[in-house]
Amino acid sequence: MPEEVLFKSESDQSREEIASYLRKVADNLDSGDGITLKAGSESVTLNPPARPTFEVKAEREGPAGNMTERSVEFELEWDENGGQKGSGSGQLEIE
């Protein structure tokens, strides 16, 4: 499926700085506010619905035999026309 990147930011941050960003997103989700992403002159505001699809993915990447890069991705997905995105794969737990 084609995609259009509306905003992208990538930079090294401390764990505390990352937690602060995630906390702000969580606060906005909790209060029903939109989420505005800004970097330099770029910005985008997104308004997730009450029940977006929440995808969490942990990956190991790299060339064969040397897959040393790890990542965890948190993604909210929704259809702007109001349709449901995913069916789910069981209840998520984060410890």
PDB file of N, CA and C in Angstrom:
ATOM      1  N   MET A   1       0.844  -1.172   0.000  1.00  0.00           N
ATOM      2  CA  MET A   1       0.000   0.000   0.000  1.00  0.00           C
ATOM      3  C   MET A   1       0.893   1.240   0.000  1.00  0.00           C
ATOM      4  N   PRO A   2       0.655   2.176  -0.898  1.00  0.00           N
ATOM      5  CA  PRO A   2       1.476   3.391  -0.948  1.00  0.00           C
ATOM      6  C   PRO A   2       1.354   4.196   0.343  1.00  0.00           C
ATOM      7  N   GLU A   3       2.391   4.947   0.648  1.00  0.00           N
ATOM      8  CA  GLU A   3       2.324   5.816   1.820  1.00  0.00           C
ATOM      9  C   GLU A   3       2.930   7.162   1.501  1.00  0.00           C
ATOM     10  N   GLU A   4       2.419   8.169   2.183  1.00  0.00           N
ATOM     11  CA  GLU A   4       2.921   9.536   2.061  1.00  0.00           C
ATOM     12  C   GLU A   4       3.401   9.952   3.448  1.00  0.00           C
ATOM     13  N   VAL A   5       4.667  10.255   3.592  1.00  0.00           N
ATOM     14  CA  VAL A   5       5.206  10.683   4.884  1.00  0.00           C
ATOM     15  C   VAL A   5       4.815  12.145   5.103  1.00  0.00           C
ATOM     16  N   LEU A   6       4.036  12.393   6.142  1.00  0.00           N
ATOM     17  CA  LEU A   6       3.588  13.747   6.460  1.00  0.00           C
ATOM     18  C   LEU A   6       4.579  14.469   7.354  1.00  0.00           C
ATOM     19  N   PHE A   7       5.357  13.715   8.126  1.00  0.00           N
ATOM     20  CA  PHE A   7       6.312  14.293   9.069  1.00  0.00           C
ATOM     21  C   PHE A   7       7.284  13.199   9.471  1.00  0.00           C
ATOM     22  N   LYS A   8       8.558  13.562   9.622  1.00  0.00           N
ATOM     23  CA  LYS A   8       9.545  12.606  10.120  1.00  0.00           C
ATOM     24  C   LYS A   8      10.600  13.362  10.902  1.00  0.00           C
ATOM     25  N   SER A   9      10.963  12.822  12.037  1.00  0.00           N
ATOM     26  CA  SER A   9      12.038  13.377  12.850  1.00  0.00           C
ATOM     27  C   SER A   9      12.819  12.202  13.424  1.00  0.00           C
ATOM     28  N   GLU A  10      14.129  12.286  13.352  1.00  0.00           N
ATOM     29  CA  GLU A  10      14.977  11.230  13.902  1.00  0.00           C
ATOM     30  C   GLU A  10      16.208  11.872  14.511  1.00  0.00           C
ATOM     31  N   SER A  11      16.420  11.643  15.805  1.00  0.00           N
ATOM     32  CA  SER A  11      17.592  12.202  16.477  1.00  0.00           C
ATOM     33  C   SER A  11      17.887  11.395  17.730  1.00  0.00           C
ATOM     34  N   ASP A  12      19.144  11.428  18.143  1.00  0.00           N
ATOM     35  CA  ASP A  12      19.528  10.770  19.395  1.00  0.00           C
ATOM     36  C   ASP A  12      18.985  11.580  20.559  1.00  0.00           C
ATOM     37  N   GLN A  13      18.322  10.919  21.493  1.00  0.00           N
ATOM     38  CA  GLN A  13      17.738  11.559  22.671  1.00  0.00           C
ATOM     39  C   GLN A  13      18.054  10.697  23.890  1.00  0.00           C
ATOM     40  N   SER A  14      18.042  11.315  25.049  1.00  0.00           N
ATOM     41  CA  SER A  14      18.202  10.535  26.280  1.00  0.00           C
ATOM     42  C   SER A  14      16.894   9.795  26.560  1.00  0.00           C
ATOM     43  N   ARG A  15      16.965   8.770  27.378  1.00  0.00           N
ATOM     44  CA  ARG A  15      15.757   8.031  27.756  1.00  0.00           C
ATOM     45  C   ARG A  15      14.745   8.965  28.413  1.00  0.00           C
ATOM     46  N   GLU A  16      15.228   9.911  29.212  1.00  0.00           N
ATOM     47  CA  GLU A  16      14.340  10.859  29.897  1.00  0.00           C
ATOM     48  C   GLU A  16      13.640  11.776  28.892  1.00  0.00           C
ATOM     49  N   GLU A  17      14.383  12.231  27.876  1.00  0.00           N
ATOM     50  CA  GLU A  17      13.780  13.097  26.854  1.00  0.00           C
ATOM     51  C   GLU A  17      12.713  12.334  26.063  1.00  0.00           C
ATOM     52  N   ILE A  18      13.001  11.096  25.724  1.00  0.00           N
ATOM     53  CA  ILE A  18      12.034  10.274  24.994  1.00  0.00           C
ATOM     54  C   ILE A  18      10.785  10.064  25.845  1.00  0.00           C
ATOM     55  N   ALA A  19      10.984   9.779  27.127  1.00  0.00           N
ATOM     56  CA  ALA A  19       9.847   9.594  28.032  1.00  0.00           C
ATOM     57  C   ALA A  19       8.980  10.846  28.080  1.00  0.00           C
ATOM     58  N   SER A  20       9.589  12.012  28.045  1.00  0.00           N
ATOM     59  CA  SER A  20       8.844  13.267  28.069  1.00  0.00           C
ATOM     60  C   SER A  20       7.978  13.409  26.822  1.00  0.00           C
ATOM     61  N   TYR A  21       8.526  13.075  25.645  1.00  0.00           N
ATOM     62  CA  TYR A  21       7.740  13.115  24.403  1.00  0.00           C
ATOM     63  C   TYR A  21       6.562  12.142  24.483  1.00  0.00           C
ATOM     64  N   LEU A  22       6.853  10.912  24.900  1.00  0.00           N
ATOM     65  CA  LEU A  22       5.797   9.911  24.991  1.00  0.00           C
ATOM     66  C   LEU A  22       4.732  10.306  26.009  1.00  0.00           C
ATOM     67  N   ARG A  23       5.163  10.926  27.110  1.00  0.00           N
ATOM     68  CA  ARG A  23       4.219  11.381  28.140  1.00  0.00           C
ATOM     69  C   ARG A  23       3.279  12.448  27.584  1.00  0.00           C
ATOM     70  N   LYS A  24       3.815  13.354  26.764  1.00  0.00           N
ATOM     71  CA  LYS A  24       2.986  14.393  26.154  1.00  0.00           C
ATOM     72  C   LYS A  24       1.968  13.776  25.206  1.00  0.00           C
ATOM     73  N   VAL A  25       2.396  12.806  24.402  1.00  0.00           N
ATOM     74  CA  VAL A  25       1.463  12.113  23.513  1.00  0.00           C
ATOM     75  C   VAL A  25       0.376  11.421  24.346  1.00  0.00           C
ATOM     76  N   ALA A  26       0.789  10.745  25.417  1.00  0.00           N
ATOM     77  CA  ALA A  26      -0.172  10.051  26.276  1.00  0.00           C
ATOM     78  C   ALA A  26      -1.156  11.035  26.898  1.00  0.00           C
ATOM     79  N   ASP A  27      -0.664  12.174  27.358  1.00  0.00           N
ATOM     80  CA  ASP A  27      -1.547  13.187  27.953  1.00  0.00           C
ATOM     81  C   ASP A  27      -2.562  13.681  26.927  1.00  0.00           C
ATOM     82  N   ASN A  28      -2.109  13.943  25.691  1.00  0.00           N
ATOM     83  CA  ASN A  28      -3.019  14.421  24.650  1.00  0.00           C
ATOM     84  C   ASN A  28      -4.050  13.353  24.277  1.00  0.00           C
ATOM     85  N   LEU A  29      -3.627  12.094  24.204  1.00  0.00           N
ATOM     86  CA  LEU A  29      -4.575  11.017  23.929  1.00  0.00           C
ATOM     87  C   LEU A  29      -5.606  10.927  25.050  1.00  0.00           C
ATOM     88  N   ASP A  30      -5.135  11.016  26.280  1.00  0.00           N
ATOM     89  CA  ASP A  30      -6.012  10.900  27.444  1.00  0.00           C
ATOM     90  C   ASP A  30      -7.050  12.012  27.488  1.00  0.00           C
ATOM     91  N   SER A  31      -6.666  13.208  27.084  1.00  0.00           N
ATOM     92  CA  SER A  31      -7.572  14.354  27.149  1.00  0.00           C
ATOM     93  C   SER A  31      -8.395  14.526  25.865  1.00  0.00           C
ATOM     94  N   GLY A  32      -8.108  13.733  24.828  1.00  0.00           N
ATOM     95  CA  GLY A  32      -8.836  13.846  23.573  1.00  0.00           C
ATOM     96  C   GLY A  32      -8.326  14.942  22.661  1.00  0.00           C
ATOM     97  N   ASP A  33      -7.186  15.541  23.010  1.00  0.00           N
ATOM     98  CA  ASP A  33      -6.596  16.593  22.185  1.00  0.00           C
ATOM     99  C   ASP A  33      -5.862  15.997  20.988  1.00  0.00           C
ATOM    100  N   GLY A  34      -5.638  16.826  19.960  1.00  0.00           N
ATOM    101  CA  GLY A  34      -4.831  16.413  18.828  1.00  0.00           C
ATOM    102  C   GLY A  34      -3.372  16.311  19.233  1.00  0.00           C
ATOM    103  N   ILE A  35      -2.588  15.712  18.370  1.00  0.00           N
ATOM    104  CA  ILE A  35      -1.147  15.559  18.590  1.00  0.00           C
ATOM    105  C   ILE A  35      -0.436  16.370  17.513  1.00  0.00           C
ATOM    106  N   THR A  36       0.283  17.406  17.920  1.00  0.00           N
ATOM    107  CA  THR A  36       1.024  18.233  16.972  1.00  0.00           C
ATOM    108  C   THR A  36       2.500  17.892  17.064  1.00  0.00           C
ATOM    109  N   LEU A  37       3.069  17.541  15.926  1.00  0.00           N
ATOM    110  CA  LEU A  37       4.491  17.220  15.821  1.00  0.00           C
ATOM    111  C   LEU A  37       5.170  18.383  15.116  1.00  0.00           C
ATOM    112  N   LYS A  38       6.272  18.889  15.700  1.00  0.00           N
ATOM    113  CA  LYS A  38       6.993  20.028  15.125  1.00  0.00           C
ATOM    114  C   LYS A  38       8.489  19.761  15.142  1.00  0.00           C
ATOM    115  N   ALA A  39       9.150  20.186  14.091  1.00  0.00           N
ATOM    116  CA  ALA A  39      10.617  20.175  14.020  1.00  0.00           C
ATOM    117  C   ALA A  39      11.008  21.237  13.011  1.00  0.00           C
ATOM    118  N   GLY A  40      11.682  22.271  13.475  1.00  0.00           N
ATOM    119  CA  GLY A  40      12.043  23.372  12.583  1.00  0.00           C
ATOM    120  C   GLY A  40      10.789  24.025  12.031  1.00  0.00           C
ATOM    121  N   SER A  41      10.712  24.156  10.716  1.00  0.00           N
ATOM    122  CA  SER A  41       9.541  24.787  10.098  1.00  0.00           C
ATOM    123  C   SER A  41       8.463  23.771   9.734  1.00  0.00           C
ATOM    124  N   GLU A  42       8.726  22.493   9.977  1.00  0.00           N
ATOM    125  CA  GLU A  42       7.755  21.451   9.658  1.00  0.00           C
ATOM    126  C   GLU A  42       6.849  21.191  10.854  1.00  0.00           C
ATOM    127  N   SER A  43       5.573  20.972  10.573  1.00  0.00           N
ATOM    128  CA  SER A  43       4.657  20.549  11.631  1.00  0.00           C
ATOM    129  C   SER A  43       3.454  19.864  11.017  1.00  0.00           C
ATOM    130  N   VAL A  44       2.837  18.997  11.794  1.00  0.00           N
ATOM    131  CA  VAL A  44       1.601  18.326  11.398  1.00  0.00           C
ATOM    132  C   VAL A  44       0.803  18.068  12.671  1.00  0.00           C
ATOM    133  N   THR A  45      -0.510  18.245  12.579  1.00  0.00           N
ATOM    134  CA  THR A  45      -1.396  17.933  13.698  1.00  0.00           C
ATOM    135  C   THR A  45      -2.295  16.785  13.285  1.00  0.00           C
ATOM    136  N   LEU A  46      -2.353  15.784  14.134  1.00  0.00           N
ATOM    137  CA  LEU A  46      -3.172  14.598  13.895  1.00  0.00           C
ATOM    138  C   LEU A  46      -4.197  14.483  15.012  1.00  0.00           C
ATOM    139  N   ASN A  47      -5.375  14.008  14.670  1.00  0.00           N
ATOM    140  CA  ASN A  47      -6.451  13.851  15.646  1.00  0.00           C
ATOM    141  C   ASN A  47      -6.935  12.406  15.639  1.00  0.00           C
ATOM    142  N   PRO A  48      -6.280  11.533  16.422  1.00  0.00           N
ATOM    143  CA  PRO A  48      -6.703  10.137  16.457  1.00  0.00           C
ATOM    144  C   PRO A  48      -8.129  10.024  16.990  1.00  0.00           C
ATOM    145  N   PRO A  49      -8.895   9.056  16.470  1.00  0.00           N
ATOM    146  CA  PRO A  49     -10.243   8.828  16.983  1.00  0.00           C
ATOM    147  C   PRO A  49     -10.199   8.202  18.375  1.00  0.00           C
ATOM    148  N   ALA A  50     -11.343   7.985  18.958  1.00  0.00           N
ATOM    149  CA  ALA A  50     -11.417   7.418  20.307  1.00  0.00           C
ATOM    150  C   ALA A  50     -10.810   6.019  20.389  1.00  0.00           C
ATOM    151  N   ARG A  51     -10.871   5.248  19.290  1.00  0.00           N
ATOM    152  CA  ARG A  51     -10.345   3.876  19.305  1.00  0.00           C
ATOM    153  C   ARG A  51      -9.484   3.593  18.072  1.00  0.00           C
ATOM    154  N   PRO A  52      -8.271   4.176  18.011  1.00  0.00           N
ATOM    155  CA  PRO A  52      -7.368   3.826  16.897  1.00  0.00           C
ATOM    156  C   PRO A  52      -6.783   2.436  17.129  1.00  0.00           C
ATOM    157  N   THR A  53      -6.204   1.869  16.099  1.00  0.00           N
ATOM    158  CA  THR A  53      -5.456   0.616  16.244  1.00  0.00           C
ATOM    159  C   THR A  53      -4.074   0.967  16.791  1.00  0.00           C
ATOM    160  N   PHE A  54      -3.635   0.253  17.830  1.00  0.00           N
ATOM    161  CA  PHE A  54      -2.337   0.494  18.465  1.00  0.00           C
ATOM    162  C   PHE A  54      -1.436  -0.684  18.148  1.00  0.00           C
ATOM    163  N   GLU A  55      -0.370  -0.427  17.383  1.00  0.00           N
ATOM    164  CA  GLU A  55       0.566  -1.474  17.000  1.00  0.00           C
ATOM    165  C   GLU A  55       1.877  -1.274  17.743  1.00  0.00           C
ATOM    166  N   VAL A  56       2.373  -2.347  18.342  1.00  0.00           N
ATOM    167  CA  VAL A  56       3.675  -2.332  19.006  1.00  0.00           C
ATOM    168  C   VAL A  56       4.509  -3.431  18.363  1.00  0.00           C
ATOM    169  N   LYS A  57       5.728  -3.063  17.952  1.00  0.00           N
ATOM    170  CA  LYS A  57       6.577  -4.019  17.260  1.00  0.00           C
ATOM    171  C   LYS A  57       7.997  -3.922  17.792  1.00  0.00           C
ATOM    172  N   ALA A  58       8.594  -5.066  18.126  1.00  0.00           N
ATOM    173  CA  ALA A  58      10.010  -5.136  18.497  1.00  0.00           C
ATOM    174  C   ALA A  58      10.728  -5.856  17.363  1.00  0.00           C
ATOM    175  N   GLU A  59      11.862  -5.290  16.920  1.00  0.00           N
ATOM    176  CA  GLU A  59      12.580  -5.864  15.789  1.00  0.00           C
ATOM    177  C   GLU A  59      14.071  -6.000  16.075  1.00  0.00           C
ATOM    178  N   ARG A  60      14.672  -6.945  15.356  1.00  0.00           N
ATOM    179  CA  ARG A  60      16.115  -7.102  15.310  1.00  0.00           C
ATOM    180  C   ARG A  60      16.478  -6.949  13.846  1.00  0.00           C
ATOM    181  N   GLU A  61      17.435  -6.068  13.540  1.00  0.00           N
ATOM    182  CA  GLU A  61      17.774  -5.775  12.151  1.00  0.00           C
ATOM    183  C   GLU A  61      19.277  -5.816  11.946  1.00  0.00           C
ATOM    184  N   GLY A  62      19.660  -5.882  10.687  1.00  0.00           N
ATOM    185  CA  GLY A  62      21.067  -5.857  10.308  1.00  0.00           C
ATOM    186  C   GLY A  62      21.351  -6.913   9.269  1.00  0.00           C
ATOM    187  N   PRO A  63      22.570  -6.919   8.764  1.00  0.00           N
ATOM    188  CA  PRO A  63      22.932  -7.920   7.755  1.00  0.00           C
ATOM    189  C   PRO A  63      22.930  -9.327   8.358  1.00  0.00           C
ATOM    190  N   ALA A  64      22.725 -10.319   7.520  1.00  0.00           N
ATOM    191  CA  ALA A  64      22.701 -11.712   7.970  1.00  0.00           C
ATOM    192  C   ALA A  64      23.946 -12.024   8.791  1.00  0.00           C
ATOM    193  N   GLY A  65      23.750 -12.651   9.922  1.00  0.00           N
ATOM    194  CA  GLY A  65      24.861 -13.010  10.796  1.00  0.00           C
ATOM    195  C   GLY A  65      25.332 -11.888  11.693  1.00  0.00           C
ATOM    196  N   ASN A  66      24.794 -10.672  11.515  1.00  0.00           N
ATOM    197  CA  ASN A  66      25.218  -9.536  12.332  1.00  0.00           C
ATOM    198  C   ASN A  66      24.029  -8.611  12.630  1.00  0.00           C
ATOM    199  N   MET A  67      22.940  -9.218  13.051  1.00  0.00           N
ATOM    200  CA  MET A  67      21.722  -8.451  13.314  1.00  0.00           C
ATOM    201  C   MET A  67      21.794  -7.853  14.726  1.00  0.00           C
ATOM    202  N   THR A  68      22.530  -6.751  14.838  1.00  0.00           N
ATOM    203  CA  THR A  68      22.800  -6.177  16.160  1.00  0.00           C
ATOM    204  C   THR A  68      21.928  -4.970  16.487  1.00  0.00           C
ATOM    205  N   GLU A  69      21.177  -4.444  15.528  1.00  0.00           N
ATOM    206  CA  GLU A  69      20.336  -3.269  15.789  1.00  0.00           C
ATOM    207  C   GLU A  69      18.975  -3.719  16.303  1.00  0.00           C
ATOM    208  N   ARG A  70      18.546  -3.103  17.405  1.00  0.00           N
ATOM    209  CA  ARG A  70      17.240  -3.414  17.993  1.00  0.00           C
ATOM    210  C   ARG A  70      16.358  -2.186  17.903  1.00  0.00           C
ATOM    211  N   SER A  71      15.051  -2.403  17.786  1.00  0.00           N
ATOM    212  CA  SER A  71      14.120  -1.274  17.792  1.00  0.00           C
ATOM    213  C   SER A  71      12.796  -1.699  18.410  1.00  0.00           C
ATOM    214  N   VAL A  72      12.116  -0.720  18.955  1.00  0.00           N
ATOM    215  CA  VAL A  72      10.738  -0.897  19.385  1.00  0.00           C
ATOM    216  C   VAL A  72       9.956   0.249  18.755  1.00  0.00           C
ATOM    217  N   GLU A  73       8.856  -0.081  18.132  1.00  0.00           N
ATOM    218  CA  GLU A  73       8.040   0.907  17.440  1.00  0.00           C
ATOM    219  C   GLU A  73       6.643   0.921  18.038  1.00  0.00           C
ATOM    220  N   PHE A  74       6.114   2.118  18.270  1.00  0.00           N
ATOM    221  CA  PHE A  74       4.756   2.315  18.742  1.00  0.00           C
ATOM    222  C   PHE A  74       4.025   3.068  17.639  1.00  0.00           C
ATOM    223  N   GLU A  75       2.906   2.544  17.182  1.00  0.00           N
ATOM    224  CA  GLU A  75       2.206   3.165  16.059  1.00  0.00           C
ATOM    225  C   GLU A  75       0.711   3.188  16.313  1.00  0.00           C
ATOM    226  N   LEU A  76       0.099   4.332  16.053  1.00  0.00           N
ATOM    227  CA  LEU A  76      -1.349   4.460  16.077  1.00  0.00           C
ATOM    228  C   LEU A  76      -1.812   4.517  14.632  1.00  0.00           C
ATOM    229  N   GLU A  77      -2.830   3.745  14.294  1.00  0.00           N
ATOM    230  CA  GLU A  77      -3.359   3.740  12.932  1.00  0.00           C
ATOM    231  C   GLU A  77      -4.867   3.919  12.981  1.00  0.00           C
ATOM    232  N   TRP A  78      -5.376   4.666  12.005  1.00  0.00           N
ATOM    233  CA  TRP A  78      -6.826   4.800  11.882  1.00  0.00           C
ATOM    234  C   TRP A  78      -7.169   5.199  10.469  1.00  0.00           C
ATOM    235  N   ASP A  79      -8.387   4.926  10.088  1.00  0.00           N
ATOM    236  CA  ASP A  79      -8.906   5.303   8.782  1.00  0.00           C
ATOM    237  C   ASP A  79      -9.586   6.656   8.936  1.00  0.00           C
ATOM    238  N   GLU A  80      -9.173   7.632   8.139  1.00  0.00           N
ATOM    239  CA  GLU A  80      -9.761   8.969   8.241  1.00  0.00           C
ATOM    240  C   GLU A  80     -11.254   8.963   7.928  1.00  0.00           C
ATOM    241  N   ASN A  81     -11.723   7.913   7.258  1.00  0.00           N
ATOM    242  CA  ASN A  81     -13.142   7.810   6.937  1.00  0.00           C
ATOM    243  C   ASN A  81     -13.926   7.080   8.023  1.00  0.00           C
ATOM    244  N   GLY A  82     -13.248   6.741   9.126  1.00  0.00           N
ATOM    245  CA  GLY A  82     -13.941   6.150  10.270  1.00  0.00           C
ATOM    246  C   GLY A  82     -13.978   4.643  10.329  1.00  0.00           C
ATOM    247  N   GLY A  83     -13.425   3.950   9.341  1.00  0.00           N
ATOM    248  CA  GLY A  83     -13.429   2.489   9.368  1.00  0.00           C
ATOM    249  C   GLY A  83     -12.409   1.937  10.353  1.00  0.00           C
ATOM    250  N   GLN A  84     -12.593   0.704  10.796  1.00  0.00           N
ATOM    251  CA  GLN A  84     -11.654   0.039  11.694  1.00  0.00           C
ATOM    252  C   GLN A  84     -10.457  -0.456  10.900  1.00  0.00           C
ATOM    253  N   LYS A  85      -9.259  -0.401  11.473  1.00  0.00           N
ATOM    254  CA  LYS A  85      -8.040  -0.789  10.767  1.00  0.00           C
ATOM    255  C   LYS A  85      -7.682  -2.264  10.959  1.00  0.00           C
ATOM    256  N   GLY A  86      -7.574  -2.711  12.203  1.00  0.00           N
ATOM    257  CA  GLY A  86      -7.055  -4.056  12.446  1.00  0.00           C
ATOM    258  C   GLY A  86      -7.961  -4.866  13.341  1.00  0.00           C
ATOM    259  N   SER A  87      -7.707  -6.162  13.381  1.00  0.00           N
ATOM    260  CA  SER A  87      -8.526  -7.055  14.182  1.00  0.00           C
ATOM    261  C   SER A  87      -7.876  -7.394  15.517  1.00  0.00           C
ATOM    262  N   GLY A  88      -6.596  -7.091  15.667  1.00  0.00           N
ATOM    263  CA  GLY A  88      -5.920  -7.347  16.942  1.00  0.00           C
ATOM    264  C   GLY A  88      -5.323  -8.740  17.004  1.00  0.00           C
ATOM    265  N   SER A  89      -4.398  -8.911  17.950  1.00  0.00           N
ATOM    266  CA  SER A  89      -3.739 -10.210  18.102  1.00  0.00           C
ATOM    267  C   SER A  89      -3.610 -10.570  19.573  1.00  0.00           C
ATOM    268  N   GLY A  90      -4.586 -10.200  20.376  1.00  0.00           N
ATOM    269  CA  GLY A  90      -4.523 -10.493  21.810  1.00  0.00           C
ATOM    270  C   GLY A  90      -4.251  -9.232  22.602  1.00  0.00           C
ATOM    271  N   GLN A  91      -4.509  -9.293  23.881  1.00  0.00           N
ATOM    272  CA  GLN A  91      -4.358  -8.153  24.765  1.00  0.00           C
ATOM    273  C   GLN A  91      -2.876  -7.822  25.004  1.00  0.00           C
ATOM    274  N   LEU A  92      -2.486  -6.585  24.742  1.00  0.00           N
ATOM    275  CA  LEU A  92      -1.104  -6.126  24.952  1.00  0.00           C
ATOM    276  C   LEU A  92      -0.844  -5.914  26.434  1.00  0.00           C
ATOM    277  N   GLU A  93       0.308  -6.353  26.886  1.00  0.00           N
ATOM    278  CA  GLU A  93       0.783  -6.045  28.240  1.00  0.00           C
ATOM    279  C   GLU A  93       2.187  -5.480  28.111  1.00  0.00           C
ATOM    280  N   ILE A  94       2.478  -4.403  28.846  1.00  0.00           N
ATOM    281  CA  ILE A  94       3.816  -3.827  28.897  1.00  0.00           C
ATOM    282  C   ILE A  94       4.238  -3.810  30.351  1.00  0.00           C
ATOM    283  N   GLU A  95       5.346  -4.455  30.654  1.00  0.00           N
ATOM    284  CA  GLU A  95       5.800  -4.549  32.054  1.00  0.00           C
ATOM    285  C   GLU A  95       7.091  -3.783  32.239  1.00  0.00           C
TER     286      GLU A  95
END
